[in-house]
Amino acid sequence: MLYNEELLRDKLELVDALQQLGVAYHFEEEINCMLTNIHKSKLQYLLATLNDDLYLVSLLFRLLRTNGFSAPEDILKNYFDDKGELNAKLSGNIKWVLSLYEASYLAKEGEDMLEVARNCTSSTTKLLANYLDSSKYNHDSRMKKHVSHALEFPIHWRMERLHTRWFIDQHKAGDHIRYALWELAVLDFNLIQNSYKKELKHVSR
């Protein structure tokens, strides 16, 4: 299947939103079909389509790996210099850095590039910490909350329901999350919580 950048971005961000909002299990077949079609595309074609956007390439890498698809570490190599450090020109875009940081926690044994990127002097971890400490970015409180949240634990290390609650709360004002999708997530979360409460009452009798 052929994609343009906007279409591929929309698909990746939709899958990411569904998973972080805790409603992906309602769309497992559709998500698997979507990622299968993306995975079948040639790697160089996908990178060209994404115009070397580190945020989207890192998101693609993370979504493929967390959903059981192979994704080579080399997909990210163009963003590092010969020392294995993140290219300086990319470090000023905190959205890109955050996306790479999350992706780096999916490194497999022997994939040193991602580990170095997370732990070296100019690492994603250090760049994110510096971003939090700088008053220059105080206007973007939502991004700061996302960065702070990520530095505590990466997404896939977190307890799913707790992260879902946090993510729902952070996006109740809208932004890139479609309102109907956000409403579905709220309804789904409340239904599950009520189910847990009923079960707890039943076993505590």
N, C-alpha and C. Protein backbone atom coordinates (compact mmCIF):
# COMPACT_ATOMS: atom_id res chain seq x y z
N MET A 1 0.85 -1.19 0.00
CA MET A 1 0.00 0.00 0.00
C MET A 1 0.88 1.25 0.00
N LEU A 2 0.50 2.24 -0.80
CA LEU A 2 1.25 3.49 -0.86
C LEU A 2 0.69 4.49 0.15
N TYR A 3 1.59 5.22 0.79
CA TYR A 3 1.19 6.21 1.77
C TYR A 3 1.84 7.54 1.42
N ASN A 4 1.16 8.63 1.82
CA ASN A 4 1.86 9.90 1.87
C ASN A 4 2.15 10.19 3.33
N GLU A 5 2.94 11.22 3.60
CA GLU A 5 3.37 11.47 4.98
C GLU A 5 2.18 11.71 5.90
N GLU A 6 1.21 12.50 5.44
CA GLU A 6 0.06 12.83 6.28
C GLU A 6 -0.76 11.58 6.63
N LEU A 7 -0.98 10.72 5.64
CA LEU A 7 -1.76 9.50 5.87
C LEU A 7 -1.03 8.57 6.84
N LEU A 8 0.28 8.40 6.63
CA LEU A 8 1.05 7.51 7.50
C LEU A 8 1.12 8.08 8.92
N ARG A 9 1.30 9.39 9.03
CA ARG A 9 1.30 10.04 10.35
C ARG A 9 -0.03 9.78 11.06
N ASP A 10 -1.14 9.98 10.35
CA ASP A 10 -2.46 9.79 10.95
C ASP A 10 -2.64 8.36 11.45
N LYS A 11 -2.19 7.40 10.66
CA LYS A 11 -2.34 6.00 11.06
C LYS A 11 -1.51 5.68 12.30
N LEU A 12 -0.27 6.13 12.32
CA LEU A 12 0.61 5.86 13.46
C LEU A 12 0.08 6.53 14.72
N GLU A 13 -0.33 7.78 14.61
CA GLU A 13 -0.81 8.51 15.78
C GLU A 13 -2.14 7.95 16.27
N LEU A 14 -2.96 7.44 15.35
CA LEU A 14 -4.23 6.84 15.76
C LEU A 14 -3.98 5.57 16.57
N VAL A 15 -3.09 4.71 16.09
CA VAL A 15 -2.77 3.48 16.82
C VAL A 15 -2.19 3.82 18.19
N ASP A 16 -1.29 4.78 18.24
CA ASP A 16 -0.67 5.19 19.51
C ASP A 16 -1.73 5.71 20.48
N ALA A 17 -2.64 6.54 19.98
CA ALA A 17 -3.70 7.10 20.83
C ALA A 17 -4.62 6.00 21.35
N LEU A 18 -5.02 5.08 20.48
CA LEU A 18 -5.90 3.98 20.90
C LEU A 18 -5.25 3.16 22.01
N GLN A 19 -3.96 2.92 21.88
CA GLN A 19 -3.27 2.10 22.88
C GLN A 19 -3.10 2.85 24.20
N GLN A 20 -2.72 4.12 24.13
CA GLN A 20 -2.51 4.88 25.36
C GLN A 20 -3.82 5.25 26.04
N LEU A 21 -4.90 5.33 25.30
CA LEU A 21 -6.22 5.59 25.89
C LEU A 21 -6.86 4.32 26.43
N GLY A 22 -6.23 3.18 26.20
CA GLY A 22 -6.73 1.93 26.76
C GLY A 22 -7.89 1.30 26.03
N VAL A 23 -8.13 1.70 24.79
CA VAL A 23 -9.26 1.15 24.04
C VAL A 23 -8.83 0.34 22.81
N ALA A 24 -7.54 0.07 22.70
CA ALA A 24 -7.03 -0.64 21.52
C ALA A 24 -7.62 -2.04 21.40
N TYR A 25 -7.99 -2.64 22.53
CA TYR A 25 -8.51 -4.02 22.47
C TYR A 25 -9.84 -4.10 21.72
N HIS A 26 -10.52 -2.97 21.56
CA HIS A 26 -11.75 -2.96 20.77
C HIS A 26 -11.45 -3.01 19.26
N PHE A 27 -10.21 -2.69 18.90
CA PHE A 27 -9.85 -2.56 17.48
C PHE A 27 -8.64 -3.41 17.13
N GLU A 28 -8.48 -4.54 17.80
CA GLU A 28 -7.28 -5.36 17.61
C GLU A 28 -7.09 -5.79 16.16
N GLU A 29 -8.17 -6.23 15.52
CA GLU A 29 -8.07 -6.71 14.13
C GLU A 29 -7.68 -5.58 13.20
N GLU A 30 -8.30 -4.41 13.38
CA GLU A 30 -8.00 -3.26 12.52
C GLU A 30 -6.56 -2.78 12.71
N ILE A 31 -6.12 -2.75 13.97
CA ILE A 31 -4.75 -2.30 14.26
C ILE A 31 -3.74 -3.27 13.68
N ASN A 32 -3.98 -4.56 13.85
CA ASN A 32 -3.07 -5.57 13.32
C ASN A 32 -2.99 -5.49 11.79
N CYS A 33 -4.14 -5.29 11.15
CA CYS A 33 -4.17 -5.16 9.69
C CYS A 33 -3.40 -3.92 9.24
N MET A 34 -3.60 -2.82 9.94
CA MET A 34 -2.93 -1.57 9.61
C MET A 34 -1.41 -1.70 9.74
N LEU A 35 -0.96 -2.26 10.87
CA LEU A 35 0.48 -2.40 11.10
C LEU A 35 1.10 -3.45 10.18
N THR A 36 0.33 -4.48 9.84
CA THR A 36 0.82 -5.50 8.91
C THR A 36 1.10 -4.87 7.55
N ASN A 37 0.19 -4.04 7.07
CA ASN A 37 0.37 -3.38 5.78
C ASN A 37 1.56 -2.43 5.81
N ILE A 38 1.72 -1.72 6.92
CA ILE A 38 2.87 -0.82 7.06
C ILE A 38 4.16 -1.62 7.09
N HIS A 39 4.15 -2.72 7.84
CA HIS A 39 5.35 -3.55 8.00
C HIS A 39 5.78 -4.18 6.68
N LYS A 40 4.81 -4.46 5.80
CA LYS A 40 5.13 -5.07 4.51
C LYS A 40 5.78 -4.08 3.55
N SER A 41 5.63 -2.80 3.82
CA SER A 41 6.22 -1.79 2.94
C SER A 41 7.74 -1.79 3.09
N LYS A 42 8.45 -1.42 2.04
CA LYS A 42 9.91 -1.37 2.10
C LYS A 42 10.36 -0.29 3.07
N LEU A 43 11.38 -0.61 3.86
CA LEU A 43 11.87 0.30 4.89
C LEU A 43 12.28 1.65 4.32
N GLN A 44 13.03 1.64 3.23
CA GLN A 44 13.51 2.90 2.66
C GLN A 44 12.34 3.74 2.14
N TYR A 45 11.31 3.06 1.66
CA TYR A 45 10.12 3.79 1.21
C TYR A 45 9.44 4.48 2.38
N LEU A 46 9.33 3.77 3.51
CA LEU A 46 8.69 4.36 4.69
C LEU A 46 9.48 5.56 5.20
N LEU A 47 10.81 5.43 5.25
CA LEU A 47 11.65 6.52 5.74
C LEU A 47 11.53 7.73 4.82
N ALA A 48 11.50 7.48 3.53
CA ALA A 48 11.35 8.58 2.57
C ALA A 48 9.99 9.25 2.73
N THR A 49 8.96 8.44 2.96
CA THR A 49 7.61 8.97 3.15
C THR A 49 7.54 9.86 4.38
N LEU A 50 8.26 9.47 5.44
CA LEU A 50 8.24 10.23 6.69
C LEU A 50 9.20 11.41 6.68
N ASN A 51 9.90 11.61 5.55
CA ASN A 51 10.80 12.75 5.40
C ASN A 51 11.80 12.88 6.54
N ASP A 52 12.28 11.73 7.02
CA ASP A 52 13.28 11.71 8.10
C ASP A 52 12.81 12.45 9.34
N ASP A 53 11.51 12.45 9.59
CA ASP A 53 10.96 13.05 10.81
C ASP A 53 11.23 12.09 11.96
N LEU A 54 12.15 12.47 12.87
CA LEU A 54 12.57 11.57 13.94
C LEU A 54 11.42 11.18 14.86
N TYR A 55 10.49 12.09 15.08
CA TYR A 55 9.32 11.78 15.91
C TYR A 55 8.53 10.62 15.30
N LEU A 56 8.26 10.70 14.01
CA LEU A 56 7.45 9.67 13.35
C LEU A 56 8.21 8.36 13.16
N VAL A 57 9.50 8.46 12.83
CA VAL A 57 10.29 7.25 12.65
C VAL A 57 10.42 6.50 13.98
N SER A 58 10.65 7.23 15.06
CA SER A 58 10.74 6.60 16.39
C SER A 58 9.40 6.01 16.80
N LEU A 59 8.31 6.71 16.47
CA LEU A 59 6.97 6.20 16.77
C LEU A 59 6.71 4.92 15.98
N LEU A 60 7.08 4.92 14.71
CA LEU A 60 6.94 3.72 13.87
C LEU A 60 7.71 2.55 14.49
N PHE A 61 8.95 2.80 14.89
CA PHE A 61 9.79 1.77 15.51
C PHE A 61 9.13 1.22 16.77
N ARG A 62 8.65 2.12 17.63
CA ARG A 62 8.05 1.70 18.90
C ARG A 62 6.76 0.90 18.69
N LEU A 63 5.91 1.36 17.79
CA LEU A 63 4.64 0.68 17.56
C LEU A 63 4.84 -0.70 16.94
N LEU A 64 5.77 -0.80 16.01
CA LEU A 64 6.03 -2.10 15.40
C LEU A 64 6.53 -3.09 16.45
N ARG A 65 7.48 -2.67 17.26
CA ARG A 65 8.06 -3.59 18.25
C ARG A 65 7.07 -3.95 19.36
N THR A 66 6.33 -2.99 19.84
CA THR A 66 5.40 -3.29 20.94
C THR A 66 4.22 -4.14 20.48
N ASN A 67 4.00 -4.20 19.17
CA ASN A 67 2.89 -5.00 18.64
C ASN A 67 3.36 -6.27 17.94
N GLY A 68 4.61 -6.67 18.21
CA GLY A 68 5.09 -7.96 17.75
C GLY A 68 5.66 -8.01 16.35
N PHE A 69 5.93 -6.85 15.75
CA PHE A 69 6.52 -6.81 14.41
C PHE A 69 8.01 -6.50 14.52
N SER A 70 8.78 -6.99 13.57
CA SER A 70 10.21 -6.70 13.57
C SER A 70 10.44 -5.27 13.09
N ALA A 71 11.44 -4.64 13.68
CA ALA A 71 11.84 -3.29 13.27
C ALA A 71 13.33 -3.16 13.53
N PRO A 72 14.14 -3.04 12.49
CA PRO A 72 15.59 -3.01 12.68
C PRO A 72 16.06 -1.73 13.37
N GLU A 73 17.09 -1.88 14.19
CA GLU A 73 17.67 -0.71 14.85
C GLU A 73 18.17 0.31 13.84
N ASP A 74 18.58 -0.18 12.67
CA ASP A 74 19.12 0.70 11.63
C ASP A 74 18.14 1.76 11.17
N ILE A 75 16.87 1.55 11.47
CA ILE A 75 15.86 2.53 11.06
C ILE A 75 16.15 3.90 11.68
N LEU A 76 16.94 3.90 12.77
CA LEU A 76 17.22 5.14 13.50
C LEU A 76 18.67 5.60 13.37
N LYS A 77 19.51 4.87 12.64
CA LYS A 77 20.95 5.16 12.64
C LYS A 77 21.30 6.51 12.02
N ASN A 78 20.48 6.99 11.10
CA ASN A 78 20.79 8.25 10.42
C ASN A 78 20.71 9.46 11.33
N TYR A 79 20.19 9.28 12.54
CA TYR A 79 20.03 10.40 13.45
C TYR A 79 21.17 10.51 14.46
N PHE A 80 22.20 9.65 14.29
CA PHE A 80 23.34 9.64 15.21
C PHE A 80 24.63 9.94 14.47
N ASP A 81 25.59 10.53 15.19
CA ASP A 81 26.90 10.80 14.59
C ASP A 81 27.81 9.58 14.76
N ASP A 82 29.07 9.75 14.37
CA ASP A 82 30.01 8.62 14.41
C ASP A 82 30.30 8.14 15.82
N LYS A 83 30.06 9.00 16.82
CA LYS A 83 30.29 8.62 18.22
C LYS A 83 29.06 7.96 18.84
N GLY A 84 28.02 7.85 18.05
CA GLY A 84 26.79 7.25 18.56
C GLY A 84 25.91 8.22 19.32
N GLU A 85 26.22 9.51 19.23
CA GLU A 85 25.43 10.51 19.93
C GLU A 85 24.42 11.14 18.97
N LEU A 86 23.34 11.63 19.53
CA LEU A 86 22.27 12.23 18.73
C LEU A 86 22.80 13.46 18.01
N ASN A 87 22.50 13.57 16.72
CA ASN A 87 22.94 14.73 15.96
C ASN A 87 22.48 16.01 16.62
N ALA A 88 23.40 16.96 16.75
CA ALA A 88 23.12 18.20 17.48
C ALA A 88 21.93 18.95 16.91
N LYS A 89 21.75 18.90 15.60
CA LYS A 89 20.67 19.65 14.97
C LYS A 89 19.29 19.12 15.35
N LEU A 90 19.25 17.89 15.86
CA LEU A 90 17.97 17.28 16.23
C LEU A 90 17.62 17.51 17.69
N SER A 91 18.61 17.84 18.50
CA SER A 91 18.41 17.88 19.95
C SER A 91 17.51 19.03 20.40
N GLY A 92 17.29 20.01 19.53
CA GLY A 92 16.46 21.15 19.91
C GLY A 92 14.97 20.89 19.78
N ASN A 93 14.59 19.77 19.16
CA ASN A 93 13.18 19.44 18.98
C ASN A 93 12.78 18.43 20.04
N ILE A 94 12.16 18.90 21.11
CA ILE A 94 11.89 18.03 22.26
C ILE A 94 10.90 16.92 21.92
N LYS A 95 10.00 17.16 21.00
CA LYS A 95 9.05 16.11 20.59
C LYS A 95 9.80 14.95 19.94
N TRP A 96 10.79 15.26 19.13
CA TRP A 96 11.61 14.23 18.49
C TRP A 96 12.41 13.46 19.54
N VAL A 97 13.02 14.22 20.47
CA VAL A 97 13.85 13.60 21.51
C VAL A 97 13.02 12.66 22.39
N LEU A 98 11.81 13.11 22.76
CA LEU A 98 10.94 12.30 23.61
C LEU A 98 10.53 11.01 22.89
N SER A 99 10.22 11.10 21.62
CA SER A 99 9.81 9.93 20.85
C SER A 99 10.96 8.92 20.74
N LEU A 100 12.18 9.43 20.53
CA LEU A 100 13.35 8.55 20.46
C LEU A 100 13.63 7.92 21.83
N TYR A 101 13.47 8.70 22.88
CA TYR A 101 13.68 8.20 24.25
C TYR A 101 12.77 7.00 24.52
N GLU A 102 11.49 7.13 24.18
CA GLU A 102 10.55 6.02 24.39
C GLU A 102 10.95 4.81 23.55
N ALA A 103 11.37 5.06 22.31
CA ALA A 103 11.76 3.96 21.43
C ALA A 103 13.01 3.25 21.94
N SER A 104 13.91 3.99 22.58
CA SER A 104 15.18 3.41 23.02
C SER A 104 15.00 2.32 24.06
N TYR A 105 13.91 2.34 24.79
CA TYR A 105 13.66 1.32 25.81
C TYR A 105 13.18 0.00 25.22
N LEU A 106 13.05 -0.04 23.91
CA LEU A 106 12.68 -1.29 23.24
C LEU A 106 13.87 -1.95 22.57
N ALA A 107 15.07 -1.48 22.92
CA ALA A 107 16.29 -2.07 22.37
C ALA A 107 16.44 -3.51 22.84
N LYS A 108 16.92 -4.35 21.94
CA LYS A 108 17.19 -5.75 22.27
C LYS A 108 18.66 -5.90 22.66
N GLU A 109 18.99 -7.05 23.22
CA GLU A 109 20.37 -7.31 23.61
C GLU A 109 21.28 -7.21 22.39
N GLY A 110 22.35 -6.45 22.54
CA GLY A 110 23.29 -6.27 21.45
C GLY A 110 23.02 -5.04 20.60
N GLU A 111 21.90 -4.37 20.82
CA GLU A 111 21.59 -3.15 20.07
C GLU A 111 22.13 -1.95 20.88
N ASP A 112 23.42 -1.73 20.71
CA ASP A 112 24.11 -0.75 21.56
C ASP A 112 23.75 0.69 21.21
N MET A 113 23.39 0.95 19.97
CA MET A 113 23.15 2.32 19.55
C MET A 113 22.06 2.98 20.38
N LEU A 114 20.96 2.28 20.61
CA LEU A 114 19.85 2.85 21.36
C LEU A 114 20.20 3.01 22.83
N GLU A 115 20.97 2.07 23.36
CA GLU A 115 21.38 2.18 24.76
C GLU A 115 22.31 3.36 24.96
N VAL A 116 23.25 3.54 24.03
CA VAL A 116 24.17 4.67 24.09
C VAL A 116 23.39 5.98 23.97
N ALA A 117 22.42 5.99 23.08
CA ALA A 117 21.62 7.21 22.88
C ALA A 117 20.89 7.61 24.15
N ARG A 118 20.54 6.63 24.97
CA ARG A 118 19.81 6.91 26.20
C ARG A 118 20.75 7.32 27.33
N ASN A 119 22.00 6.88 27.28
CA ASN A 119 22.88 7.05 28.43
C ASN A 119 24.12 7.91 28.22
N CYS A 120 24.43 8.30 26.99
CA CYS A 120 25.65 9.07 26.75
C CYS A 120 25.49 10.51 27.24
N THR A 121 26.57 11.28 27.13
CA THR A 121 26.60 12.64 27.66
C THR A 121 25.50 13.51 27.08
N SER A 122 25.29 13.42 25.77
CA SER A 122 24.23 14.21 25.12
C SER A 122 23.02 13.33 24.87
N SER A 123 22.72 12.47 25.82
CA SER A 123 21.66 11.48 25.65
C SER A 123 20.28 12.10 25.65
N THR A 124 19.31 11.30 25.21
CA THR A 124 17.93 11.76 25.26
C THR A 124 17.50 12.02 26.70
N THR A 125 17.98 11.20 27.63
CA THR A 125 17.63 11.38 29.04
C THR A 125 18.09 12.74 29.54
N LYS A 126 19.33 13.10 29.22
CA LYS A 126 19.88 14.38 29.67
C LYS A 126 19.17 15.55 28.99
N LEU A 127 18.89 15.41 27.70
CA LEU A 127 18.20 16.48 26.98
C LEU A 127 16.80 16.73 27.55
N LEU A 128 16.11 15.66 27.90
CA LEU A 128 14.77 15.80 28.48
C LEU A 128 14.84 16.42 29.87
N ALA A 129 15.84 16.02 30.66
CA ALA A 129 16.00 16.59 32.00
C ALA A 129 16.32 18.08 31.91
N ASN A 130 17.16 18.46 30.96
CA ASN A 130 17.49 19.88 30.76
C ASN A 130 16.27 20.68 30.34
N TYR A 131 15.43 20.06 29.53
CA TYR A 131 14.19 20.71 29.09
C TYR A 131 13.29 21.02 30.28
N LEU A 132 13.18 20.08 31.21
CA LEU A 132 12.34 20.30 32.39
C LEU A 132 12.90 21.42 33.27
N ASP A 133 14.22 21.51 33.34
CA ASP A 133 14.86 22.50 34.21
C ASP A 133 14.84 23.91 33.63
N SER A 134 14.61 24.02 32.34
CA SER A 134 14.68 25.33 31.68
C SER A 134 13.35 26.08 31.78
N SER A 135 13.42 27.33 32.22
CA SER A 135 12.22 28.17 32.30
C SER A 135 11.80 28.66 30.92
N LYS A 136 12.65 28.45 29.94
CA LYS A 136 12.38 28.89 28.57
C LYS A 136 11.12 28.24 28.01
N TYR A 137 10.79 27.04 28.51
CA TYR A 137 9.68 26.27 27.95
C TYR A 137 8.48 26.20 28.88
N ASN A 138 8.39 27.11 29.83
CA ASN A 138 7.30 27.06 30.81
C ASN A 138 5.92 27.23 30.18
N HIS A 139 5.87 27.81 28.98
CA HIS A 139 4.59 28.03 28.31
C HIS A 139 3.95 26.72 27.85
N ASP A 140 4.76 25.69 27.68
CA ASP A 140 4.25 24.42 27.16
C ASP A 140 4.12 23.42 28.31
N SER A 141 3.13 23.65 29.16
CA SER A 141 2.99 22.83 30.37
C SER A 141 2.64 21.38 30.05
N ARG A 142 1.87 21.16 28.98
CA ARG A 142 1.48 19.79 28.66
C ARG A 142 2.69 18.96 28.24
N MET A 143 3.54 19.53 27.40
CA MET A 143 4.73 18.81 26.98
C MET A 143 5.64 18.53 28.17
N LYS A 144 5.74 19.50 29.08
CA LYS A 144 6.57 19.29 30.27
C LYS A 144 6.02 18.13 31.11
N LYS A 145 4.71 18.02 31.19
CA LYS A 145 4.12 16.92 31.95
C LYS A 145 4.42 15.58 31.27
N HIS A 146 4.38 15.57 29.94
CA HIS A 146 4.69 14.33 29.22
C HIS A 146 6.15 13.93 29.43
N VAL A 147 7.04 14.92 29.39
CA VAL A 147 8.46 14.64 29.59
C VAL A 147 8.72 14.12 31.00
N SER A 148 8.13 14.79 31.98
CA SER A 148 8.30 14.37 33.38
C SER A 148 7.77 12.95 33.59
N HIS A 149 6.63 12.67 32.99
CA HIS A 149 6.00 11.35 33.09
C HIS A 149 6.90 10.29 32.47
N ALA A 150 7.48 10.60 31.31
CA ALA A 150 8.33 9.64 30.61
C ALA A 150 9.63 9.37 31.36
N LEU A 151 10.18 10.39 32.00
CA LEU A 151 11.43 10.21 32.73
C LEU A 151 11.25 9.34 33.97
N GLU A 152 10.03 9.30 34.50
CA GLU A 152 9.76 8.41 35.64
C GLU A 152 9.82 6.95 35.17
N PHE A 153 9.07 6.65 34.12
CA PHE A 153 9.06 5.32 33.50
C PHE A 153 8.65 5.49 32.04
N PRO A 154 9.27 4.73 31.12
CA PRO A 154 8.80 4.74 29.74
C PRO A 154 7.41 4.10 29.66
N ILE A 155 6.71 4.35 28.58
CA ILE A 155 5.32 3.92 28.44
C ILE A 155 5.13 2.43 28.70
N HIS A 156 5.94 1.60 28.05
CA HIS A 156 5.68 0.15 28.12
C HIS A 156 6.14 -0.47 29.44
N TRP A 157 6.72 0.30 30.34
CA TRP A 157 7.04 -0.21 31.68
C TRP A 157 5.91 0.06 32.67
N ARG A 158 4.96 0.86 32.29
CA ARG A 158 3.94 1.31 33.23
C ARG A 158 2.78 0.33 33.36
N MET A 159 2.08 0.41 34.50
CA MET A 159 0.84 -0.34 34.64
C MET A 159 -0.19 0.29 33.70
N GLU A 160 -0.76 -0.53 32.85
CA GLU A 160 -1.59 -0.03 31.75
C GLU A 160 -2.74 0.85 32.22
N ARG A 161 -3.50 0.41 33.23
CA ARG A 161 -4.68 1.16 33.63
C ARG A 161 -4.31 2.50 34.27
N LEU A 162 -3.21 2.52 35.02
CA LEU A 162 -2.78 3.78 35.64
C LEU A 162 -2.32 4.77 34.58
N HIS A 163 -1.60 4.26 33.58
CA HIS A 163 -1.16 5.15 32.51
C HIS A 163 -2.35 5.64 31.69
N THR A 164 -3.31 4.75 31.46
CA THR A 164 -4.52 5.15 30.73
C THR A 164 -5.22 6.30 31.43
N ARG A 165 -5.38 6.20 32.75
CA ARG A 165 -6.03 7.27 33.51
C ARG A 165 -5.26 8.58 33.36
N TRP A 166 -3.95 8.50 33.48
CA TRP A 166 -3.12 9.70 33.34
C TRP A 166 -3.27 10.30 31.94
N PHE A 167 -3.22 9.45 30.92
CA PHE A 167 -3.29 9.92 29.54
C PHE A 167 -4.65 10.55 29.24
N ILE A 168 -5.71 9.95 29.73
CA ILE A 168 -7.05 10.51 29.55
C ILE A 168 -7.14 11.89 30.18
N ASP A 169 -6.62 12.03 31.39
CA ASP A 169 -6.66 13.32 32.09
C ASP A 169 -5.86 14.38 31.35
N GLN A 170 -4.72 13.99 30.80
CA GLN A 170 -3.86 14.95 30.11
C GLN A 170 -4.49 15.46 28.82
N HIS A 171 -5.35 14.68 28.23
CA HIS A 171 -5.88 15.04 26.91
C HIS A 171 -7.37 15.37 26.94
N LYS A 172 -7.89 15.69 28.11
CA LYS A 172 -9.32 16.01 28.17
C LYS A 172 -9.65 17.32 27.47
N ALA A 173 -8.63 18.15 27.25
CA ALA A 173 -8.87 19.42 26.56
C ALA A 173 -8.85 19.28 25.05
N GLY A 174 -8.53 18.06 24.58
CA GLY A 174 -8.58 17.87 23.13
C GLY A 174 -7.21 17.67 22.52
N ASP A 175 -6.65 18.67 21.89
CA ASP A 175 -5.47 18.71 21.03
C ASP A 175 -5.60 17.67 19.92
N HIS A 176 -4.60 16.78 19.71
CA HIS A 176 -4.65 15.90 18.55
C HIS A 176 -5.55 14.69 18.76
N ILE A 177 -6.09 14.52 19.97
CA ILE A 177 -6.99 13.40 20.23
C ILE A 177 -8.41 13.79 19.82
N ARG A 178 -9.01 13.00 18.94
CA ARG A 178 -10.38 13.28 18.53
C ARG A 178 -11.31 13.18 19.73
N TYR A 179 -12.25 14.13 19.83
CA TYR A 179 -13.09 14.19 21.02
C TYR A 179 -13.92 12.91 21.18
N ALA A 180 -14.44 12.38 20.08
CA ALA A 180 -15.24 11.15 20.16
C ALA A 180 -14.41 9.99 20.68
N LEU A 181 -13.14 9.95 20.30
CA LEU A 181 -12.25 8.90 20.78
C LEU A 181 -11.96 9.08 22.26
N TRP A 182 -11.77 10.31 22.68
CA TRP A 182 -11.55 10.60 24.10
C TRP A 182 -12.78 10.20 24.92
N GLU A 183 -13.98 10.52 24.41
CA GLU A 183 -15.21 10.15 25.11
C GLU A 183 -15.33 8.63 25.24
N LEU A 184 -14.98 7.91 24.19
CA LEU A 184 -15.01 6.45 24.23
C LEU A 184 -14.08 5.94 25.32
N ALA A 185 -12.89 6.53 25.41
CA ALA A 185 -11.91 6.10 26.40
C ALA A 185 -12.42 6.34 27.82
N VAL A 186 -13.05 7.48 28.04
CA VAL A 186 -13.59 7.80 29.37
C VAL A 186 -14.69 6.80 29.74
N LEU A 187 -15.60 6.55 28.80
CA LEU A 187 -16.69 5.61 29.05
C LEU A 187 -16.14 4.21 29.33
N ASP A 188 -15.19 3.78 28.52
CA ASP A 188 -14.60 2.46 28.67
C ASP A 188 -13.89 2.33 30.02
N PHE A 189 -13.13 3.36 30.39
CA PHE A 189 -12.40 3.34 31.65
C PHE A 189 -13.37 3.23 32.83
N ASN A 190 -14.43 4.04 32.80
CA ASN A 190 -15.40 4.03 33.90
C ASN A 190 -16.14 2.69 34.00
N LEU A 191 -16.47 2.10 32.86
CA LEU A 191 -17.14 0.80 32.86
C LEU A 191 -16.25 -0.28 33.49
N ILE A 192 -14.99 -0.25 33.13
CA ILE A 192 -14.05 -1.24 33.68
C ILE A 192 -13.86 -1.02 35.17
N GLN A 193 -13.75 0.25 35.59
CA GLN A 193 -13.59 0.54 37.02
C GLN A 193 -14.81 0.05 37.81
N ASN A 194 -16.00 0.29 37.26
CA ASN A 194 -17.22 -0.18 37.93
C ASN A 194 -17.26 -1.70 38.02
N SER A 195 -16.78 -2.35 36.97
CA SER A 195 -16.73 -3.81 36.98
C SER A 195 -15.79 -4.31 38.06
N TYR A 196 -14.64 -3.64 38.20
CA TYR A 196 -13.68 -4.02 39.24
C TYR A 196 -14.29 -3.84 40.63
N LYS A 197 -15.02 -2.74 40.82
CA LYS A 197 -15.64 -2.47 42.12
C LYS A 197 -16.67 -3.53 42.48
N LYS A 198 -17.46 -3.94 41.48
CA LYS A 198 -18.47 -4.99 41.72
C LYS A 198 -17.80 -6.31 42.09
N GLU A 199 -16.72 -6.63 41.39
CA GLU A 199 -16.01 -7.87 41.69
C GLU A 199 -15.41 -7.83 43.09
N LEU A 200 -14.87 -6.65 43.46
CA LEU A 200 -14.28 -6.50 44.79
C LEU A 200 -15.32 -6.66 45.89
N LYS A 201 -16.50 -6.09 45.66
CA LYS A 201 -17.59 -6.23 46.64
C LYS A 201 -18.00 -7.69 46.77
N HIS A 202 -18.03 -8.37 45.63
CA HIS A 202 -18.46 -9.77 45.63
C HIS A 202 -17.49 -10.66 46.42
N VAL A 203 -16.19 -10.47 46.20
CA VAL A 203 -15.21 -11.34 46.86
C VAL A 203 -14.99 -10.96 48.32
N SER A 204 -15.39 -9.73 48.70
CA SER A 204 -15.17 -9.28 50.08
C SER A 204 -16.35 -9.60 50.99
N ARG A 205 -17.40 -10.20 50.45
CA ARG A 205 -18.56 -10.55 51.27
C ARG A 205 -18.23 -11.70 52.22
